[in-house]
C-alpha atoms as a PDB file:
ATOM      1  CA  MET A   1     -15.431  85.517 -99.738  1.00  0.00           C
ATOM      2  CA  ASN A   2     -13.413  87.176 -96.965  1.00  0.00           C
ATOM      3  CA  VAL A   3     -10.702  84.738 -95.805  1.00  0.00           C
ATOM      4  CA  ILE A   4      -7.768  85.112 -93.380  1.00  0.00           C
ATOM      5  CA  ILE A   5      -4.940  82.807 -92.293  1.00  0.00           C
ATOM      6  CA  ILE A   6      -3.693  82.562 -88.699  1.00  0.00           C
ATOM      7  CA  GLU A   7      -0.394  80.682 -88.702  1.00  0.00           C
ATOM      8  CA  ASP A   8       2.774  81.423 -86.699  1.00  0.00           C
ATOM      9  CA  GLU A   9       5.144  79.951 -89.317  1.00  0.00           C
ATOM     10  CA  LYS A  10       5.246  82.524 -92.114  1.00  0.00           C
ATOM     11  CA  PRO A  11       6.523  80.105 -94.824  1.00  0.00           C
ATOM     12  CA  ALA A  12       3.641  77.745 -94.007  1.00  0.00           C
ATOM     13  CA  ALA A  13       1.187  80.659 -94.173  1.00  0.00           C
ATOM     14  CA  ARG A  14       2.489  81.716 -97.590  1.00  0.00           C
ATOM     15  CA  LEU A  15       2.330  78.124 -98.849  1.00  0.00           C
ATOM     16  CA  LEU A  16      -1.302  77.831 -97.757  1.00  0.00           C
ATOM     17  CA  GLN A  17      -2.033  81.201 -99.368  1.00  0.00           C
ATOM     18  CA  ARG A  18      -0.670  79.904-102.693  1.00  0.00           C
ATOM     19  CA  LYS A  19      -2.711  76.696-102.451  1.00  0.00           C
ATOM     20  CA  LEU A  20      -5.857  78.730-101.826  1.00  0.00           C
ATOM     21  CA  GLN A  21      -5.129  80.902-104.865  1.00  0.00           C
ATOM     22  CA  LYS A  22      -5.375  77.752-106.979  1.00  0.00           C
ATOM     23  CA  LEU A  23      -8.938  77.441-105.661  1.00  0.00           C
ATOM     24  CA  ASP A  24      -9.667  81.098-106.576  1.00  0.00           C
ATOM     25  CA  ILE A  25      -9.564  82.144-102.924  1.00  0.00           C
ATOM     26  CA  THR A  26      -7.578  85.202-101.856  1.00  0.00           C
ATOM     27  CA  ALA A  27      -6.403  85.296 -98.239  1.00  0.00           C
ATOM     28  CA  GLY A  28      -5.114  88.844 -98.018  1.00  0.00           C
ATOM     29  CA  THR A  29      -4.632  88.921 -94.239  1.00  0.00           C
ATOM     30  CA  MET A  30      -2.164  86.676 -92.436  1.00  0.00           C
ATOM     31  CA  LEU A  31      -1.808  86.793 -88.637  1.00  0.00           C
ATOM     32  CA  HIS A  32       0.882  85.030 -86.647  1.00  0.00           C
ATOM     33  CA  SER A  33       0.055  85.084 -82.923  1.00  0.00           C
ATOM     34  CA  VAL A  34      -2.784  85.109 -80.398  1.00  0.00           C
ATOM     35  CA  GLU A  35      -2.057  88.716 -79.447  1.00  0.00           C
ATOM     36  CA  GLU A  36      -1.897  89.961 -83.031  1.00  0.00           C
ATOM     37  CA  SER A  37      -5.142  88.131 -83.818  1.00  0.00           C
ATOM     38  CA  LEU A  38      -6.972  89.646 -80.839  1.00  0.00           C
ATOM     39  CA  GLN A  39      -5.968  93.136 -81.929  1.00  0.00           C
ATOM     40  CA  TRP A  40      -7.044  92.448 -85.514  1.00  0.00           C
ATOM     41  CA  PHE A  41     -10.458  91.017 -84.559  1.00  0.00           C
ATOM     42  CA  ALA A  42     -11.090  93.966 -82.232  1.00  0.00           C
ATOM     43  CA  ASN A  43     -10.661  96.421 -85.114  1.00  0.00           C
ATOM     44  CA  ASN A  44     -11.924  94.613 -88.215  1.00  0.00           C
ATOM     45  CA  PRO A  45     -15.101  92.900 -89.422  1.00  0.00           C
ATOM     46  CA  HIS A  46     -14.893  89.162 -88.845  1.00  0.00           C
ATOM     47  CA  PRO A  47     -14.156  87.194 -92.031  1.00  0.00           C
ATOM     48  CA  ASP A  48     -16.310  84.485 -93.565  1.00  0.00           C
ATOM     49  CA  LEU A  49     -13.653  81.828 -93.048  1.00  0.00           C
ATOM     50  CA  ILE A  50     -10.483  81.419 -90.965  1.00  0.00           C
ATOM     51  CA  PHE A  51      -7.692  78.961 -91.687  1.00  0.00           C
ATOM     52  CA  LEU A  52      -6.374  78.478 -88.177  1.00  0.00           C
ATOM     53  CA  ASP A  53      -3.267  76.801 -86.818  1.00  0.00           C
ATOM     54  CA  ILE A  54      -3.739  75.645 -83.216  1.00  0.00           C
ATOM     55  CA  GLN A  55      -0.294  76.074 -81.698  1.00  0.00           C
ATOM     56  CA  LEU A  56       0.839  79.679 -82.209  1.00  0.00           C
ATOM     57  CA  SER A  57       4.016  81.359 -81.012  1.00  0.00           C
ATOM     58  CA  ASP A  58       2.400  82.804 -77.867  1.00  0.00           C
ATOM     59  CA  GLY A  59      -0.168  80.122 -77.016  1.00  0.00           C
ATOM     60  CA  LEU A  60      -3.037  78.056 -78.370  1.00  0.00           C
ATOM     61  CA  SER A  61      -5.380  79.694 -80.850  1.00  0.00           C
ATOM     62  CA  PHE A  62      -8.310  78.589 -78.671  1.00  0.00           C
ATOM     63  CA  GLU A  63      -7.392  81.570 -76.475  1.00  0.00           C
ATOM     64  CA  ILE A  64      -8.746  83.852 -79.223  1.00  0.00           C
ATOM     65  CA  PHE A  65     -12.188  82.255 -78.906  1.00  0.00           C
ATOM     66  CA  ASP A  66     -11.980  82.383 -75.107  1.00  0.00           C
ATOM     67  CA  ALA A  67     -11.270  86.135 -75.206  1.00  0.00           C
ATOM     68  CA  MET A  68     -14.018  87.234 -77.608  1.00  0.00           C
ATOM     69  CA  PRO A  69     -16.908  85.818 -79.635  1.00  0.00           C
ATOM     70  CA  ILE A  70     -15.836  84.915 -83.190  1.00  0.00           C
ATOM     71  CA  SER A  71     -18.601  84.515 -85.754  1.00  0.00           C
ATOM     72  CA  SER A  72     -16.429  83.137 -88.568  1.00  0.00           C
ATOM     73  CA  ALA A  73     -16.301  79.555 -89.787  1.00  0.00           C
ATOM     74  CA  VAL A  74     -12.989  77.816 -89.094  1.00  0.00           C
ATOM     75  CA  ILE A  75     -10.859  75.245 -90.911  1.00  0.00           C
ATOM     76  CA  PHE A  76      -8.095  74.092 -88.570  1.00  0.00           C
ATOM     77  CA  THR A  77      -4.631  73.463 -90.018  1.00  0.00           C
ATOM     78  CA  THR A  78      -2.271  71.771 -87.584  1.00  0.00           C
ATOM     79  CA  ALA A  79       0.444  69.155 -87.225  1.00  0.00           C
ATOM     80  CA  TYR A  80      -1.260  67.684 -84.149  1.00  0.00           C
ATOM     81  CA  ASP A  81      -4.487  65.729 -83.848  1.00  0.00           C
ATOM     82  CA  GLU A  82      -4.947  65.781 -80.047  1.00  0.00           C
ATOM     83  CA  TYR A  83      -6.995  68.995 -80.242  1.00  0.00           C
ATOM     84  CA  ALA A  84      -9.567  67.698 -82.728  1.00  0.00           C
ATOM     85  CA  LEU A  85     -12.390  67.229 -80.210  1.00  0.00           C
ATOM     86  CA  ARG A  86     -12.000  70.728 -78.787  1.00  0.00           C
ATOM     87  CA  ALA A  87     -11.741  72.194 -82.283  1.00  0.00           C
ATOM     88  CA  PHE A  88     -15.052  70.724 -83.418  1.00  0.00           C
ATOM     89  CA  LYS A  89     -16.819  72.339 -80.467  1.00  0.00           C
ATOM     90  CA  LEU A  90     -16.121  75.672 -82.160  1.00  0.00           C
ATOM     91  CA  ASN A  91     -17.330  76.867 -85.594  1.00  0.00           C
ATOM     92  CA  SER A  92     -15.222  74.188 -87.233  1.00  0.00           C
ATOM     93  CA  ILE A  93     -15.736  73.110 -90.846  1.00  0.00           C
ATOM     94  CA  ASP A  94     -12.796  70.711 -91.037  1.00  0.00           C
ATOM     95  CA  TYR A  95      -9.541  69.706 -89.371  1.00  0.00           C
ATOM     96  CA  LEU A  96      -6.586  69.384 -91.760  1.00  0.00           C
ATOM     97  CA  LEU A  97      -3.325  67.803 -90.657  1.00  0.00           C
ATOM     98  CA  LYS A  98      -0.041  69.195 -91.984  1.00  0.00           C
ATOM     99  CA  PRO A  99       1.383  68.829 -94.519  1.00  0.00           C
ATOM    100  CA  ILE A 100      -1.913  69.857 -96.075  1.00  0.00           C
ATOM    101  CA  ASP A 101      -2.967  67.802 -99.062  1.00  0.00           C
ATOM    102  CA  GLU A 102      -4.430  69.947-101.845  1.00  0.00           C
ATOM    103  CA  ASP A 103      -7.329  67.552-102.430  1.00  0.00           C
ATOM    104  CA  ASP A 104      -8.196  67.626 -98.723  1.00  0.00           C
ATOM    105  CA  LEU A 105      -7.989  71.419 -98.781  1.00  0.00           C
ATOM    106  CA  GLU A 106     -10.349  71.631-101.757  1.00  0.00           C
ATOM    107  CA  ALA A 107     -12.783  69.242-100.062  1.00  0.00           C
ATOM    108  CA  ALA A 108     -12.778  71.378 -96.906  1.00  0.00           C
ATOM    109  CA  VAL A 109     -13.404  74.552 -98.906  1.00  0.00           C
ATOM    110  CA  ASN A 110     -16.263  72.883-100.794  1.00  0.00           C
ATOM    111  CA  LYS A 111     -17.734  71.763 -97.478  1.00  0.00           C
ATOM    112  CA  PHE A 112     -17.701  75.374 -96.301  1.00  0.00           C
ATOM    113  CA  ARG A 113     -19.305  76.605 -99.517  1.00  0.00           C
ATOM    114  CA  GLU A 114     -22.072  73.992 -99.294  1.00  0.00           C
ATOM    115  CA  ARG A 115     -22.980  75.230 -95.841  1.00  0.00           C
ATOM    116  CA  GLN A 116     -23.441  78.812 -96.991  1.00  0.00           C
ATOM    117  CA  PRO A 117     -27.061  79.941 -97.394  1.00  0.00           C
ATOM    118  CA  LYS A 118     -28.147  80.208-100.995  1.00  0.00           C
ATOM    119  CA  ALA A 119     -29.006  83.702-102.175  1.00  0.00           C
ATOM    120  CA  GLN A 120     -32.724  84.224-102.692  1.00  0.00           C
ATOM    121  CA  PRO A 121     -34.033  86.369-105.553  1.00  0.00           C
ATOM    122  CA  LEU A 122     -35.307  89.738-104.425  1.00  0.00           C
ATOM    123  CA  SER A 123     -38.915  90.675-105.005  1.00  0.00           C
ATOM    124  CA  LEU A 124     -39.175  94.452-104.735  1.00  0.00           C
ATOM    125  CA  ASP A 125     -41.765  96.848-106.024  1.00  0.00           C
ATOM    126  CA  PHE A 126     -40.894 100.227-107.557  1.00  0.00           C
ATOM    127  CA  ASP A 127     -41.314 102.179-104.296  1.00  0.00           C
ATOM    128  CA  GLN A 128     -38.937  99.844-102.430  1.00  0.00           C
ATOM    129  CA  ILE A 129     -36.291 100.161-105.145  1.00  0.00           C
ATOM    130  CA  LYS A 130     -36.657 103.939-105.140  1.00  0.00           C
ATOM    131  CA  GLN A 131     -36.205 104.035-101.360  1.00  0.00           C
ATOM    132  CA  MET A 132     -33.089 101.849-101.544  1.00  0.00           C
ATOM    133  CA  LEU A 133     -31.523 104.081-104.173  1.00  0.00           C
ATOM    134  CA  SER A 134     -32.313 107.283-102.281  1.00  0.00           C
ATOM    135  CA  ASN A 135     -31.071 105.915 -98.936  1.00  0.00           C
ATOM    136  CA  PRO A 136     -27.952 103.831 -99.615  1.00  0.00           C
ATOM    137  CA  SER A 137     -26.419 102.137 -96.604  1.00  0.00           C
ATOM    138  CA  GLU A 138     -23.658 104.200 -95.048  1.00  0.00           C
ATOM    139  CA  LYS A 139     -20.104 102.992 -94.854  1.00  0.00           C
ATOM    140  CA  CYS A 140     -19.074 101.591 -91.484  1.00  0.00           C
ATOM    141  CA  TYR A 141     -16.246 103.633 -90.023  1.00  0.00           C
ATOM    142  CA  LYS A 142     -13.788 102.765 -87.289  1.00  0.00           C
ATOM    143  CA  LYS A 143     -15.336 102.796 -83.816  1.00  0.00           C
ATOM    144  CA  ARG A 144     -12.388 102.006 -81.536  1.00  0.00           C
ATOM    145  CA  PHE A 145      -8.685 101.284 -81.327  1.00  0.00           C
ATOM    146  CA  THR A 146      -6.876  98.503 -79.483  1.00  0.00           C
ATOM    147  CA  ILE A 147      -3.615  99.665 -77.930  1.00  0.00           C
ATOM    148  CA  LYS A 148      -0.944  97.293 -76.635  1.00  0.00           C
ATOM    149  CA  MET A 149       0.360  98.357 -73.215  1.00  0.00           C
ATOM    150  CA  GLY A 150       2.892  95.826 -71.952  1.00  0.00           C
ATOM    151  CA  GLN A 151       0.982  92.584 -71.460  1.00  0.00           C
ATOM    152  CA  HIS A 152      -2.390  94.371 -71.614  1.00  0.00           C
ATOM    153  CA  LEU A 153      -4.680  95.678 -74.349  1.00  0.00           C
ATOM    154  CA  LYS A 154      -6.429  99.033 -73.920  1.00  0.00           C
ATOM    155  CA  MET A 155      -9.564  99.950 -75.849  1.00  0.00           C
ATOM    156  CA  ILE A 156      -9.961 103.591 -76.925  1.00  0.00           C
ATOM    157  CA  ASN A 157     -13.217 104.785 -78.481  1.00  0.00           C
ATOM    158  CA  VAL A 158     -12.840 106.970 -81.543  1.00  0.00           C
ATOM    159  CA  GLU A 159     -14.939 109.666 -79.807  1.00  0.00           C
ATOM    160  CA  ASP A 160     -12.093 110.071 -77.303  1.00  0.00           C
ATOM    161  CA  ALA A 161      -9.622 111.086 -80.014  1.00  0.00           C
ATOM    162  CA  GLU A 162      -8.642 114.739 -80.014  1.00  0.00           C
ATOM    163  CA  CYS A 163      -6.305 114.381 -82.959  1.00  0.00           C
ATOM    164  CA  PHE A 164      -3.983 111.960 -84.749  1.00  0.00           C
ATOM    165  CA  TYR A 165      -0.426 112.858 -85.702  1.00  0.00           C
ATOM    166  CA  SER A 166       2.732 111.364 -87.170  1.00  0.00           C
ATOM    167  CA  GLU A 167       6.129 111.689 -85.518  1.00  0.00           C
ATOM    168  CA  ASN A 168       9.445 109.898 -86.060  1.00  0.00           C
ATOM    169  CA  LYS A 169       7.820 107.447 -88.519  1.00  0.00           C
ATOM    170  CA  GLY A 170       5.146 106.563 -85.942  1.00  0.00           C
ATOM    171  CA  THR A 171       1.429 107.358 -85.844  1.00  0.00           C
ATOM    172  CA  TYR A 172      -0.152 108.478 -82.574  1.00  0.00           C
ATOM    173  CA  ILE A 173      -3.600 109.169 -81.174  1.00  0.00           C
ATOM    174  CA  HIS A 174      -3.899 112.057 -78.717  1.00  0.00           C
ATOM    175  CA  THR A 175      -6.923 111.613 -76.471  1.00  0.00           C
ATOM    176  CA  THR A 176      -9.157 114.094 -74.702  1.00  0.00           C
ATOM    177  CA  ASP A 177      -7.565 113.155 -71.351  1.00  0.00           C
ATOM    178  CA  ASN A 178      -4.227 114.516 -72.690  1.00  0.00           C
ATOM    179  CA  ARG A 179      -2.517 111.173 -73.343  1.00  0.00           C
ATOM    180  CA  ASP A 180      -0.718 109.823 -76.406  1.00  0.00           C
ATOM    181  CA  TYR A 181      -0.738 106.250 -77.707  1.00  0.00           C
ATOM    182  CA  LEU A 182       1.195 104.662 -80.560  1.00  0.00           C
ATOM    183  CA  LEU A 183      -0.950 103.085 -83.303  1.00  0.00           C
ATOM    184  CA  GLU A 184       0.003 100.316 -85.714  1.00  0.00           C
ATOM    185  CA  CYS A 185      -1.099 102.125 -88.879  1.00  0.00           C
ATOM    186  CA  THR A 186      -0.379 105.192 -90.987  1.00  0.00           C
ATOM    187  CA  LEU A 187      -2.273 108.471 -91.265  1.00  0.00           C
ATOM    188  CA  GLU A 188      -3.215 107.435 -94.810  1.00  0.00           C
ATOM    189  CA  GLN A 189      -4.884 104.283 -93.478  1.00  0.00           C
ATOM    190  CA  LEU A 190      -6.625 106.248 -90.731  1.00  0.00           C
ATOM    191  CA  GLU A 191      -7.923 108.824 -93.187  1.00  0.00           C
ATOM    192  CA  ALA A 192      -9.728 106.043 -95.074  1.00  0.00           C
ATOM    193  CA  GLU A 193     -11.115 104.424 -91.905  1.00  0.00           C
ATOM    194  CA  LEU A 194     -12.381 107.506 -90.029  1.00  0.00           C
ATOM    195  CA  ASP A 195     -15.764 109.181 -90.561  1.00  0.00           C
ATOM    196  CA  PRO A 196     -15.051 112.221 -92.791  1.00  0.00           C
ATOM    197  CA  LYS A 197     -17.885 114.096 -91.091  1.00  0.00           C
ATOM    198  CA  GLN A 198     -16.024 113.881 -87.783  1.00  0.00           C
ATOM    199  CA  PHE A 199     -12.352 113.924 -88.822  1.00  0.00           C
ATOM    200  CA  PHE A 200     -10.359 115.996 -91.300  1.00  0.00           C
ATOM    201  CA  ARG A 201      -6.747 115.693 -92.424  1.00  0.00           C
ATOM    202  CA  VAL A 202      -5.471 119.255 -92.143  1.00  0.00           C
ATOM    203  CA  SER A 203      -1.896 118.452 -93.238  1.00  0.00           C
ATOM    204  CA  ARG A 204       0.550 115.629 -93.876  1.00  0.00           C
ATOM    205  CA  LYS A 205       1.095 115.410 -90.122  1.00  0.00           C
ATOM    206  CA  PHE A 206      -2.331 115.910 -88.504  1.00  0.00           C
ATOM    207  CA  ILE A 207      -5.915 114.638 -88.551  1.00  0.00           C
ATOM    208  CA  VAL A 208      -8.230 116.612 -86.257  1.00  0.00           C
ATOM    209  CA  SER A 209     -11.636 115.893 -84.719  1.00  0.00           C
ATOM    210  CA  ILE A 210     -14.433 118.393 -85.252  1.00  0.00           C
ATOM    211  CA  ASN A 211     -15.434 117.849 -81.616  1.00  0.00           C
ATOM    212  CA  ALA A 212     -11.979 118.806 -80.343  1.00  0.00           C
ATOM    213  CA  ILE A 213     -11.340 122.222 -81.855  1.00  0.00           C
ATOM    214  CA  LYS A 214     -10.965 124.866 -79.162  1.00  0.00           C
ATOM    215  CA  ASP A 215     -10.129 127.728 -81.521  1.00  0.00           C
ATOM    216  CA  ILE A 216      -9.080 128.517 -85.104  1.00  0.00           C
ATOM    217  CA  VAL A 217      -6.630 131.351 -85.791  1.00  0.00           C
ATOM    218  CA  VAL A 218      -5.608 132.972 -89.092  1.00  0.00           C
ATOM    219  CA  TYR A 219      -1.975 132.031 -89.714  1.00  0.00           C
ATOM    220  CA  THR A 220       0.733 133.118 -92.129  1.00  0.00           C
ATOM    221  CA  ASN A 221       0.653 132.441 -95.891  1.00  0.00           C
ATOM    222  CA  SER A 222      -3.160 132.154 -96.016  1.00  0.00           C
ATOM    223  CA  ARG A 223      -3.139 129.186 -93.645  1.00  0.00           C
ATOM    224  CA  LEU A 224      -5.130 128.463 -90.497  1.00  0.00           C
ATOM    225  CA  LYS A 225      -3.990 127.313 -87.078  1.00  0.00           C
ATOM    226  CA  VAL A 226      -6.181 124.885 -85.135  1.00  0.00           C
ATOM    227  CA  ILE A 227      -6.043 125.015 -81.326  1.00  0.00           C
ATOM    228  CA  PRO A 228      -7.022 121.659 -79.733  1.00  0.00           C
ATOM    229  CA  PRO A 229      -8.076 121.607 -76.053  1.00  0.00           C
ATOM    230  CA  THR A 230      -5.056 119.692 -74.700  1.00  0.00           C
ATOM    231  CA  TYR A 231      -2.546 118.890 -77.473  1.00  0.00           C
ATOM    232  CA  LYS A 232       0.408 121.310 -77.077  1.00  0.00           C
ATOM    233  CA  GLU A 233       3.397 119.457 -78.513  1.00  0.00           C
ATOM    234  CA  ASP A 234       3.332 121.130 -81.914  1.00  0.00           C
ATOM    235  CA  GLU A 235       1.322 123.663 -83.887  1.00  0.00           C
ATOM    236  CA  VAL A 236      -1.610 122.155 -85.790  1.00  0.00           C
ATOM    237  CA  ILE A 237      -1.555 124.052 -89.081  1.00  0.00           C
ATOM    238  CA  VAL A 238      -4.038 123.654 -91.918  1.00  0.00           C
ATOM    239  CA  SER A 239      -1.919 123.517 -95.068  1.00  0.00           C
ATOM    240  CA  ARG A 240      -2.696 126.192 -97.637  1.00  0.00           C
ATOM    241  CA  GLU A 241      -4.029 123.752-100.260  1.00  0.00           C
ATOM    242  CA  ARG A 242      -6.497 122.303 -97.717  1.00  0.00           C
ATOM    243  CA  VAL A 243      -7.872 125.540 -96.275  1.00  0.00           C
ATOM    244  CA  ASN A 244     -10.901 125.766 -98.582  1.00  0.00           C
ATOM    245  CA  ASP A 245     -11.859 122.126 -98.018  1.00  0.00           C
ATOM    246  CA  PHE A 246     -11.369 122.646 -94.298  1.00  0.00           C
ATOM    247  CA  ARG A 247     -13.749 125.632 -94.290  1.00  0.00           C
ATOM    248  CA  GLU A 248     -16.361 123.581 -96.159  1.00  0.00           C
ATOM    249  CA  TRP A 249     -15.896 120.691 -93.688  1.00  0.00           C
ATOM    250  CA  LEU A 250     -16.559 123.047 -90.789  1.00  0.00           C
ATOM    251  CA  GLY A 251     -19.826 124.047 -92.446  1.00  0.00           C
END
């Protein structure tokens, strides 16, 4: 079960996380504001269940549902009961008043579990099983990024990325229109989220797109130099230990 907590008070979020662990539920993601939640939902698969406080530091959590469709079930956790009617118009399973009683929490979780569709046994013949094994479903890779720009959020499609680079402990995306945007992740995280057919990590500092390579030049010490169409701030060098893998990636 994929579960997240949206709660602006971090001690309260950690307390709820511990109570859920007693019910064998791991809530690995904790969000603390409307803005942070919008960015997270724009870049991640929606969870099965959200534990949601109503009054967050930058507004009411209902604003998340107003901004985008959320498919997850919701258990509201709040110190106020005046929002109950509006809450139950959403995908609400239950409405728990703080301080949250552990028995009430367990009852709400059981209510959610009872509403989940029961798994049906599969009836497959040999040819269907063979086809499934020979054509496994492909991993879903990142499709877009949400960038905070002042009070606005900008969406950037992954196809518009020329390269990604790290600088001064920050991670940036350089786009095909010759602009740079700061991302809230590391190159290591990006490397796991990007399609390896389209993107390759040439060094500790750079990830390049196969669609944004203008030229490749032989460089010193058996290395290669990649020339992107617009990025000019620094040389994009394929480290010596990655040259062979890079050549194979190019095909």
